[in-house]
Amino acid sequence: MEILTGEKYTPEKLRGIAADFMIKSKNDFLPFLEVPEENYEEFCENTRSNNSSWGGQLEIQAICNSLKIPINIYSNEGQSPIKMGEEFNSKNPLNISFHKHLYSLGNHYNAVVKK
């Protein structure tokens, strides 16, 4: 997927960005996870390396803060998009879609790209 300056981000690269930011900002994320403190870095490394590990709102927030871009999350349930990082004034937010129970993995996020 391409955002902002045309840089391409693969899912693997975005996972790494999220993991790096969460490791550096442990105190901002640990209270919201059901992970013992001694397993926190292992959790982050699993986020980085395991494509079957589900990323959620915390990982999206980490990407938003690390890249300093807004992220809009669209859902097929008809509500307005959830907007994260509105403090990062950008005309080109990263747009993703959230799908409940998509595929056998359950909840899933996908990139939204222009045709």
Protein backbone atom coordinates (compact mmCIF):
# COMPACT_ATOMS: atom_id res chain seq x y z
CA MET A 1 0.00 0.00 0.00
CA GLU A 2 1.20 3.54 -0.71
CA ILE A 3 0.73 6.43 1.67
CA LEU A 4 1.75 10.07 1.80
CA THR A 5 5.03 10.50 -0.05
CA GLY A 6 4.49 7.43 -2.16
CA GLU A 7 6.45 5.14 0.14
CA LYS A 8 5.13 1.61 0.01
CA TYR A 9 4.38 -0.23 3.21
CA THR A 10 3.95 -3.96 3.22
CA PRO A 11 1.99 -5.59 6.03
CA GLU A 12 5.32 -6.90 7.36
CA LYS A 13 6.83 -3.41 7.41
CA LEU A 14 3.77 -2.00 9.19
CA ARG A 15 3.98 -4.79 11.77
CA GLY A 16 7.61 -3.87 12.40
CA ILE A 17 6.74 -0.19 12.76
CA ALA A 18 4.03 -1.05 15.29
CA ALA A 19 6.31 -3.40 17.26
CA ASP A 20 9.17 -0.88 17.40
CA PHE A 21 6.90 1.92 18.59
CA MET A 22 5.20 -0.27 21.19
CA ILE A 23 8.55 -1.42 22.58
CA LYS A 24 9.71 2.22 22.91
CA SER A 25 6.36 3.27 24.44
CA LYS A 26 5.77 0.34 26.78
CA ASN A 27 4.08 2.43 29.50
CA ASP A 28 1.51 3.70 27.01
CA PHE A 29 0.47 0.24 25.80
CA LEU A 30 1.07 -2.33 28.55
CA PRO A 31 -1.88 -1.23 30.73
CA PHE A 32 -4.27 -2.06 27.85
CA LEU A 33 -2.97 -5.57 27.18
CA GLU A 34 -3.63 -8.79 29.03
CA VAL A 35 0.07 -9.61 28.93
CA PRO A 36 2.33 -9.88 31.99
CA GLU A 37 5.04 -7.22 31.97
CA GLU A 38 7.78 -9.84 31.68
CA ASN A 39 6.18 -11.07 28.41
CA TYR A 40 5.61 -7.63 26.87
CA GLU A 41 8.62 -7.57 24.53
CA GLU A 42 7.85 -11.14 23.44
CA PHE A 43 4.31 -9.96 22.61
CA CYS A 44 5.73 -7.09 20.54
CA GLU A 45 8.16 -9.36 18.72
CA ASN A 46 5.29 -11.73 17.95
CA THR A 47 3.40 -8.77 16.49
CA ARG A 48 6.42 -8.10 14.27
CA SER A 49 7.02 -11.61 13.02
CA ASN A 50 3.77 -13.56 13.10
CA ASN A 51 1.34 -12.87 10.27
CA SER A 52 -1.35 -14.92 11.98
CA SER A 53 -1.11 -12.78 15.13
CA TRP A 54 -4.05 -10.38 15.16
CA GLY A 55 -3.27 -6.67 15.33
CA GLY A 56 -5.89 -4.38 16.78
CA GLN A 57 -6.48 -0.81 17.81
CA LEU A 58 -3.30 -0.59 19.88
CA GLU A 59 -1.13 -1.64 16.95
CA ILE A 60 -2.97 0.78 14.66
CA GLN A 61 -2.39 3.57 17.20
CA ALA A 62 1.31 2.68 17.27
CA ILE A 63 1.51 2.92 13.46
CA CYS A 64 -0.38 6.22 13.51
CA ASN A 65 1.94 7.73 16.13
CA SER A 66 5.12 6.36 14.63
CA LEU A 67 4.41 7.55 11.07
CA LYS A 68 2.62 10.69 12.31
CA ILE A 69 -0.28 10.17 9.94
CA PRO A 70 -4.02 9.98 10.49
CA ILE A 71 -5.68 6.61 10.00
CA ASN A 72 -9.34 6.16 9.10
CA ILE A 73 -10.96 2.82 9.89
CA TYR A 74 -14.02 1.92 7.83
CA SER A 75 -16.49 -0.81 8.70
CA ASN A 76 -19.27 -2.45 6.73
CA GLU A 77 -21.65 -1.82 9.61
CA GLY A 78 -22.67 1.60 8.32
CA GLN A 79 -21.18 3.88 10.96
CA SER A 80 -18.86 6.78 10.23
CA PRO A 81 -15.17 5.89 10.05
CA ILE A 82 -13.16 5.82 13.25
CA LYS A 83 -10.51 8.53 12.91
CA MET A 84 -7.21 8.13 14.70
CA GLY A 85 -4.37 10.66 14.70
CA GLU A 86 -6.38 13.69 13.69
CA GLU A 87 -3.64 15.78 15.33
CA PHE A 88 -1.39 14.79 12.41
CA ASN A 89 -2.69 17.18 9.78
CA SER A 90 -2.45 15.35 6.52
CA LYS A 91 -4.53 15.37 3.39
CA ASN A 92 -3.64 11.72 2.79
CA PRO A 93 -4.64 9.53 5.72
CA LEU A 94 -4.07 5.80 5.68
CA ASN A 95 -7.46 4.20 5.09
CA ILE A 96 -8.16 0.69 6.28
CA SER A 97 -11.26 -1.44 6.56
CA PHE A 98 -12.31 -3.57 9.50
CA HIS A 99 -14.16 -6.82 8.86
CA LYS A 100 -15.76 -8.89 11.58
CA HIS A 101 -15.41 -12.62 11.08
CA LEU A 102 -13.73 -12.40 7.68
CA TYR A 103 -11.99 -15.56 6.57
CA SER A 104 -11.22 -18.24 9.11
CA LEU A 105 -9.08 -15.82 11.14
CA GLY A 106 -12.05 -13.92 12.52
CA ASN A 107 -11.73 -10.13 12.71
CA HIS A 108 -9.49 -8.71 10.01
CA TYR A 109 -8.13 -5.37 8.71
CA ASN A 110 -7.44 -4.64 5.05
CA ALA A 111 -5.93 -1.68 3.22
CA VAL A 112 -8.32 0.54 1.28
CA VAL A 113 -6.72 1.63 -1.98
CA LYS A 114 -7.89 3.67 -4.96
CA LYS A 115 -8.89 1.77 -8.06
